């Protein structure tokens, strides 16, 4: 039976990417050596790292604009700290849209003053705040573009008089966007880019050397910028597989084409949520995420029947986060619209038979 993987992460990857990565573990480019045993300083892997960084910049449309892509470690959670360590001299502004932005705020508070510019906490983070003021005396502003737990997504990039930073872990490379409006953004690979183990950071050179504090070498963006992501041993498998996935993104037609496919998947599931008398959406309609659709049963007593239906259909990873309950369908780039249709069929089966 085909498994339809709606897991929030580590997430689904294209079959051809997994096949190519598996082959490289056995024999990288007919070298007779495994990807896992070559030197990270070898010409073969340096070429992998260089291509991965160049492709990330090209896909985001940031060539020749003063940006560099870095492949680091520690996930988005380490970036919560690194952003503040490198940019927060006096005061920073954060928009609180869920668990991950709350964690970013917590880390930043250890290094300076944090102003919570806006929050949707009073509604259990089911919407994205809009129309908030951004003071000009901030060192930077921090946003989370997609909230996996609550199923909300930033649709409009706010204008800001100060540098704009963002956690894009769960919607990086999922849509065409003006990435040049961000001075720094980062993403843990395991949501929409590759396997767990590496983190993409894209940063503008103008943000280096912004604070007076001493920054440990491993936590300093300038260290990794100057060493082209090779200051220490990089996670070779995660970087290589992310490169394969970035190549796949380009082969699909780039971000514009993938964005259209993702929009079609989102429309299919949300149309059914709104139509079906058994279900109701969690997130505010205007802020619904194209990556993570969160929804609940109108009658919780239907849970046993619905769970049997979708499990029998080969659907996996559908349970919602404990903060929201219900269900969460994560529809990352590699998930086909056919899988979304299977889930919609399950929802219709519940309505028709129960």
Protein backbone atom coordinates (compact mmCIF):
# COMPACT_ATOMS: atom_id res chain seq x y z
CA UNK A 1 0.00 0.00 0.00
CA UNK A 2 1.23 3.48 -0.84
CA UNK A 3 1.73 5.60 2.28
CA UNK A 4 0.53 9.19 2.06
CA UNK A 5 2.90 11.05 4.38
CA UNK A 6 1.39 14.18 5.95
CA UNK A 7 4.01 14.38 8.72
CA UNK A 8 4.97 17.85 9.91
CA UNK A 9 8.64 16.87 9.90
CA UNK A 10 11.04 15.36 9.27
CA UNK A 11 9.03 15.57 6.11
CA UNK A 12 8.49 13.85 2.82
CA UNK A 13 11.16 14.13 0.12
CA UNK A 14 10.87 13.31 -3.61
CA UNK A 15 11.45 9.63 -4.38
CA UNK A 16 14.20 10.46 -6.87
CA UNK A 17 16.02 12.52 -4.25
CA UNK A 18 15.95 9.66 -1.77
CA UNK A 19 17.11 7.20 -4.44
CA UNK A 20 20.00 9.45 -5.46
CA UNK A 21 20.99 10.03 -1.83
CA UNK A 22 20.89 6.29 -1.13
CA UNK A 23 23.09 5.60 -4.15
CA UNK A 24 25.62 8.21 -2.99
CA UNK A 25 25.86 6.54 0.40
CA UNK A 26 27.08 3.47 -1.47
CA UNK A 27 29.17 5.19 -4.13
CA UNK A 28 29.43 8.95 -4.70
CA UNK A 29 29.66 9.85 -8.39
CA UNK A 30 31.46 6.59 -9.26
CA UNK A 31 34.34 7.51 -6.99
CA UNK A 32 34.32 4.11 -5.29
CA UNK A 33 33.79 5.90 -1.98
CA UNK A 34 30.68 6.50 0.07
CA UNK A 35 29.40 10.01 0.61
CA UNK A 36 29.73 9.23 4.31
CA UNK A 37 33.44 8.46 4.15
CA UNK A 38 34.91 11.10 1.84
CA UNK A 39 36.82 13.97 3.36
CA UNK A 40 34.73 17.07 3.86
CA UNK A 41 37.77 18.96 2.54
CA UNK A 42 37.91 16.90 -0.65
CA UNK A 43 37.24 18.55 -4.01
CA UNK A 44 34.14 16.39 -4.36
CA UNK A 45 32.45 17.66 -1.23
CA UNK A 46 33.62 21.25 -1.54
CA UNK A 47 31.92 21.22 -4.95
CA UNK A 48 28.73 19.91 -3.29
CA UNK A 49 28.77 22.68 -0.69
CA UNK A 50 29.49 25.38 -3.26
CA UNK A 51 26.67 24.22 -5.53
CA UNK A 52 24.20 23.94 -2.62
CA UNK A 53 24.96 27.51 -1.53
CA UNK A 54 24.83 28.88 -5.07
CA UNK A 55 21.54 27.10 -5.82
CA UNK A 56 19.90 28.40 -2.64
CA UNK A 57 20.87 31.96 -3.59
CA UNK A 58 19.70 31.50 -7.19
CA UNK A 59 16.32 30.06 -6.19
CA UNK A 60 15.66 32.99 -3.86
CA UNK A 61 16.66 35.52 -6.52
CA UNK A 62 19.44 37.02 -4.45
CA UNK A 63 22.39 36.75 -6.84
CA UNK A 64 24.68 39.79 -6.83
CA UNK A 65 22.75 41.45 -4.01
CA UNK A 66 25.27 41.03 -1.19
CA UNK A 67 23.89 37.81 0.29
CA UNK A 68 25.54 34.49 1.05
CA UNK A 69 24.00 31.11 1.87
CA UNK A 70 25.44 29.19 4.80
CA UNK A 71 24.79 25.56 5.72
CA UNK A 72 25.15 25.28 9.49
CA UNK A 73 24.05 22.94 12.28
CA UNK A 74 21.86 23.17 15.38
CA UNK A 75 18.50 23.66 13.68
CA UNK A 76 16.30 26.72 13.91
CA UNK A 77 16.62 26.50 17.68
CA UNK A 78 20.28 27.50 17.51
CA UNK A 79 19.38 30.31 15.10
CA UNK A 80 17.05 31.76 17.75
CA UNK A 81 20.24 32.38 19.73
CA UNK A 82 22.60 33.22 16.87
CA UNK A 83 20.38 35.95 15.44
CA UNK A 84 20.32 37.74 18.78
CA UNK A 85 24.01 37.07 19.50
CA UNK A 86 25.02 38.68 16.18
CA UNK A 87 22.43 41.44 15.78
CA UNK A 88 21.01 42.46 19.14
CA UNK A 89 22.99 45.36 20.57
CA UNK A 90 20.20 47.22 22.36
CA UNK A 91 16.63 46.38 21.38
CA UNK A 92 14.87 44.08 18.92
CA UNK A 93 11.25 43.60 17.86
CA UNK A 94 9.56 40.21 17.61
CA UNK A 95 6.14 39.17 16.31
CA UNK A 96 4.80 36.27 18.35
CA UNK A 97 2.77 33.85 16.23
CA UNK A 98 3.33 30.58 18.03
CA UNK A 99 5.62 28.14 19.79
CA UNK A 100 8.72 28.75 17.69
CA UNK A 101 8.54 32.53 17.78
CA UNK A 102 7.97 32.30 21.54
CA UNK A 103 11.16 30.24 21.79
CA UNK A 104 13.03 32.79 19.68
CA UNK A 105 11.86 35.56 22.00
CA UNK A 106 13.06 33.61 25.02
CA UNK A 107 16.58 33.25 23.60
CA UNK A 108 16.81 36.90 22.55
CA UNK A 109 15.79 38.16 25.98
CA UNK A 110 19.02 36.75 27.38
CA UNK A 111 21.03 39.17 25.22
CA UNK A 112 19.07 42.43 25.18
CA UNK A 113 15.70 44.13 25.30
CA UNK A 114 12.93 42.45 23.34
CA UNK A 115 9.81 44.33 22.28
CA UNK A 116 6.86 42.12 21.40
CA UNK A 117 5.47 44.13 18.51
CA UNK A 118 2.36 41.99 18.13
CA UNK A 119 0.99 38.63 19.27
CA UNK A 120 -1.88 36.29 18.47
CA UNK A 121 -1.50 34.37 21.72
CA UNK A 122 -4.91 35.49 23.04
CA UNK A 123 -6.56 33.47 20.22
CA UNK A 124 -4.25 30.45 20.63
CA UNK A 125 -2.20 31.72 17.68
CA UNK A 126 -4.89 31.04 15.09
CA UNK A 127 -4.09 34.20 13.08
CA UNK A 128 -1.20 36.41 11.96
CA UNK A 129 -1.13 39.93 13.49
CA UNK A 130 -1.20 42.76 10.97
CA UNK A 131 -0.85 46.53 10.91
CA UNK A 132 1.50 46.79 13.89
CA UNK A 133 4.00 49.61 14.27
CA UNK A 134 7.73 49.00 13.86
CA UNK A 135 9.87 51.57 15.72
CA UNK A 136 12.93 52.86 13.88
CA UNK A 137 15.19 52.45 16.91
CA UNK A 138 15.16 48.62 16.80
CA UNK A 139 18.26 46.66 15.84
CA UNK A 140 16.07 44.29 13.80
CA UNK A 141 12.62 42.72 13.50
CA UNK A 142 12.02 38.95 13.67
CA UNK A 143 9.12 37.05 12.10
CA UNK A 144 8.12 33.40 11.70
CA UNK A 145 6.74 33.00 8.19
CA UNK A 146 4.87 29.72 8.72
CA UNK A 147 3.62 28.17 11.93
CA UNK A 148 3.50 24.39 11.65
CA UNK A 149 1.63 23.78 14.90
CA UNK A 150 -1.17 26.28 14.35
CA UNK A 151 -1.38 26.24 10.56
CA UNK A 152 -0.91 29.95 9.88
CA UNK A 153 1.32 31.57 7.28
CA UNK A 154 2.55 35.08 6.58
CA UNK A 155 1.07 36.31 3.29
CA UNK A 156 2.40 39.88 3.12
CA UNK A 157 5.92 41.00 4.04
CA UNK A 158 5.71 44.10 6.26
CA UNK A 159 7.63 47.23 5.37
CA UNK A 160 10.19 47.97 8.05
CA UNK A 161 12.70 50.77 8.69
CA UNK A 162 15.11 48.28 10.30
CA UNK A 163 16.65 44.95 9.17
CA UNK A 164 14.10 42.16 8.75
CA UNK A 165 14.89 38.59 9.86
CA UNK A 166 12.76 35.47 9.68
CA UNK A 167 12.44 31.83 10.59
CA UNK A 168 11.29 30.13 7.35
CA UNK A 169 11.82 26.56 8.49
CA UNK A 170 8.54 25.14 7.25
CA UNK A 171 7.85 27.09 4.05
CA UNK A 172 11.28 27.80 2.57
CA UNK A 173 11.31 27.25 -1.23
CA UNK A 174 7.55 26.67 -1.28
CA UNK A 175 6.49 29.82 -3.14
CA UNK A 176 7.72 32.72 -5.21
CA UNK A 177 8.46 35.63 -2.90
CA UNK A 178 10.52 38.81 -2.65
CA UNK A 179 13.29 37.39 -0.48
CA UNK A 180 15.27 40.61 -0.92
CA UNK A 181 13.00 42.24 1.68
CA UNK A 182 14.69 40.06 4.30
CA UNK A 183 18.19 40.81 5.52
CA UNK A 184 18.55 37.38 7.13
CA UNK A 185 16.40 34.26 7.06
CA UNK A 186 16.97 30.70 8.13
CA UNK A 187 15.38 27.28 7.90
CA UNK A 188 15.94 23.90 9.47
CA UNK A 189 16.21 21.55 6.49
CA UNK A 190 13.89 18.87 7.82
CA UNK A 191 10.60 20.61 7.10
CA UNK A 192 10.74 21.36 3.37
CA UNK A 193 14.31 21.25 2.12
CA UNK A 194 16.10 18.05 3.09
CA UNK A 195 16.82 15.63 5.94
CA UNK A 196 17.37 16.65 9.53
CA UNK A 197 20.90 17.72 10.37
CA UNK A 198 21.60 20.99 8.61
CA UNK A 199 20.22 24.53 8.70
CA UNK A 200 20.22 27.00 5.86
CA UNK A 201 21.01 30.61 6.75
CA UNK A 202 20.92 33.30 4.07
CA UNK A 203 22.39 36.56 5.31
CA UNK A 204 23.26 39.94 3.89
CA UNK A 205 26.89 40.97 4.30
CA UNK A 206 25.80 44.29 5.82
CA UNK A 207 24.66 42.41 8.95
CA UNK A 208 28.13 41.14 9.84
CA UNK A 209 29.93 42.86 12.74
CA UNK A 210 26.78 44.58 14.05
CA UNK A 211 27.39 44.19 17.79
CA UNK A 212 30.15 45.11 20.20
CA UNK A 213 30.01 41.93 22.31
CA UNK A 214 32.46 39.08 21.92
CA UNK A 215 30.84 36.27 19.95
CA UNK A 216 32.21 32.71 20.23
CA UNK A 217 33.60 31.55 16.90
CA UNK A 218 30.96 28.87 16.27
CA UNK A 219 28.13 31.32 16.94
CA UNK A 220 29.50 34.11 14.77
CA UNK A 221 28.04 34.49 11.28
CA UNK A 222 31.23 36.13 10.03
CA UNK A 223 33.18 32.99 10.91
CA UNK A 224 31.00 30.83 8.67
CA UNK A 225 30.79 33.51 5.95
CA UNK A 226 34.58 33.72 5.68
CA UNK A 227 34.99 29.93 5.72
CA UNK A 228 32.18 29.26 3.21
CA UNK A 229 30.31 27.02 5.67
CA UNK A 230 33.44 24.89 6.18
CA UNK A 231 34.72 26.25 9.49
CA UNK A 232 34.06 22.88 11.09
CA UNK A 233 33.05 19.49 9.68
CA UNK A 234 29.67 20.02 8.01
CA UNK A 235 26.86 17.43 8.04
CA UNK A 236 27.79 15.97 4.67
CA UNK A 237 24.73 13.74 4.13
CA UNK A 238 22.22 16.45 5.04
CA UNK A 239 23.93 19.05 2.84
CA UNK A 240 24.24 16.67 -0.12
CA UNK A 241 20.61 15.56 0.10
CA UNK A 242 19.48 19.18 0.44
CA UNK A 243 21.43 19.91 -2.75
CA UNK A 244 19.62 17.07 -4.52
CA UNK A 245 16.32 18.51 -3.35
CA UNK A 246 17.25 22.02 -4.52
CA UNK A 247 18.11 20.58 -7.93
CA UNK A 248 14.68 18.92 -7.92
CA UNK A 249 13.02 22.26 -7.10
CA UNK A 250 14.68 23.85 -10.12
CA UNK A 251 13.68 20.89 -12.30
CA UNK A 252 10.03 21.41 -11.30
CA UNK A 253 10.16 24.91 -12.72
CA UNK A 254 11.40 26.75 -9.65
CA UNK A 255 9.46 28.51 -6.94
CA UNK A 256 6.74 29.91 -9.20
CA UNK A 257 5.75 26.47 -10.48
CA UNK A 258 5.97 24.83 -7.06
CA UNK A 259 3.99 27.67 -5.52
CA UNK A 260 1.16 27.03 -7.98
CA UNK A 261 1.17 23.30 -7.14
CA UNK A 262 1.18 24.04 -3.41
CA UNK A 263 -1.68 26.49 -3.80
CA UNK A 264 -3.71 23.84 -5.65
CA UNK A 265 -3.13 21.31 -2.85
CA UNK A 266 -4.11 23.85 -0.21
CA UNK A 267 -7.25 24.82 -2.11
CA UNK A 268 -8.29 21.18 -2.39
CA UNK A 269 -8.05 20.45 1.34
CA UNK A 270 -9.46 23.77 2.56
CA UNK A 271 -12.42 23.60 0.16
CA UNK A 272 -13.30 20.23 1.68
CA UNK A 273 -12.86 21.44 5.25
CA UNK A 274 -15.25 24.31 4.57
CA UNK A 275 -17.74 22.17 2.63
CA UNK A 276 -17.82 19.09 4.85
CA UNK A 277 -20.28 19.23 7.75
CA UNK A 278 -18.02 17.01 9.85
CA UNK A 279 -15.03 19.38 9.97
CA UNK A 280 -14.03 22.93 10.85
CA UNK A 281 -10.79 24.76 10.22
CA UNK A 282 -8.64 26.06 13.06
CA UNK A 283 -6.69 28.96 11.50
CA UNK A 284 -8.23 32.23 10.38
CA UNK A 285 -9.20 31.87 6.72
CA UNK A 286 -7.03 34.75 5.49
CA UNK A 287 -3.96 33.34 7.26
CA UNK A 288 -4.29 29.65 6.42
CA UNK A 289 -1.01 27.94 5.70
CA UNK A 290 -0.40 26.26 2.35
CA UNK A 291 2.03 23.96 4.15
CA UNK A 292 0.08 22.85 7.25
CA UNK A 293 -3.71 22.63 7.22
CA UNK A 294 -5.09 22.40 10.77
CA UNK A 295 -8.67 21.26 11.32
CA UNK A 296 -10.93 19.64 13.89
CA UNK A 297 -14.00 17.45 13.99
CA UNK A 298 -17.23 19.28 14.77
CA UNK A 299 -18.20 16.27 16.89
CA UNK A 300 -15.22 14.72 18.73
CA UNK A 301 -17.16 11.46 18.95
CA UNK A 302 -16.43 10.94 15.24
CA UNK A 303 -12.69 10.59 15.93
CA UNK A 304 -12.65 6.80 16.23
CA UNK A 305 -14.46 6.34 12.92
CA UNK A 306 -12.39 8.94 11.06
CA UNK A 307 -9.10 7.57 12.38
CA UNK A 308 -10.00 4.09 11.12
CA UNK A 309 -10.88 5.49 7.69
CA UNK A 310 -7.65 7.39 7.10
CA UNK A 311 -5.42 4.71 8.60
CA UNK A 312 -7.00 2.13 6.28
CA UNK A 313 -6.32 4.42 3.31
CA UNK A 314 -2.58 4.56 4.06
CA UNK A 315 -2.60 8.11 5.40
CA UNK A 316 0.19 8.80 7.91
CA UNK A 317 1.18 11.66 10.22
CA UNK A 318 -2.24 13.31 10.38
CA UNK A 319 -2.67 13.83 14.11
CA UNK A 320 -2.61 17.46 15.21
CA UNK A 321 -0.22 18.94 17.75
CA UNK A 322 -1.39 18.79 21.35
CA UNK A 323 -1.62 22.61 21.40
CA UNK A 324 -4.42 22.50 18.83
CA UNK A 325 -5.68 18.93 18.84
CA UNK A 326 -7.61 17.50 15.93
CA UNK A 327 -5.68 17.00 12.71
CA UNK A 328 -2.87 18.56 10.75
CA UNK A 329 -2.17 17.81 7.10
CA UNK A 330 1.35 18.93 6.21
CA UNK A 331 1.64 19.39 2.46
CA UNK A 332 5.28 20.09 1.72
CA UNK A 333 6.72 20.39 -1.78
CA UNK A 334 7.17 16.68 -2.44
CA UNK A 335 3.64 15.65 -1.42
CA UNK A 336 1.52 15.00 -4.51
CA UNK A 337 -1.97 16.37 -4.99
CA UNK A 338 -3.06 12.73 -5.38
CA UNK A 339 -2.22 12.18 -1.71
CA UNK A 340 -4.30 15.21 -0.75
CA UNK A 341 -7.18 13.77 -2.79
CA UNK A 342 -6.94 10.51 -0.82
CA UNK A 343 -7.36 12.48 2.41
CA UNK A 344 -10.29 14.42 0.96
CA UNK A 345 -11.89 11.11 -0.02
CA UNK A 346 -11.49 9.94 3.59
CA UNK A 347 -13.21 13.06 4.86
CA UNK A 348 -16.08 12.54 2.42
CA UNK A 349 -16.38 8.91 3.46
CA UNK A 350 -16.87 10.00 7.05
CA UNK A 351 -19.60 12.44 6.11
CA UNK A 352 -21.40 9.98 3.85
CA UNK A 353 -21.35 7.01 6.23
CA UNK A 354 -21.50 8.46 9.72
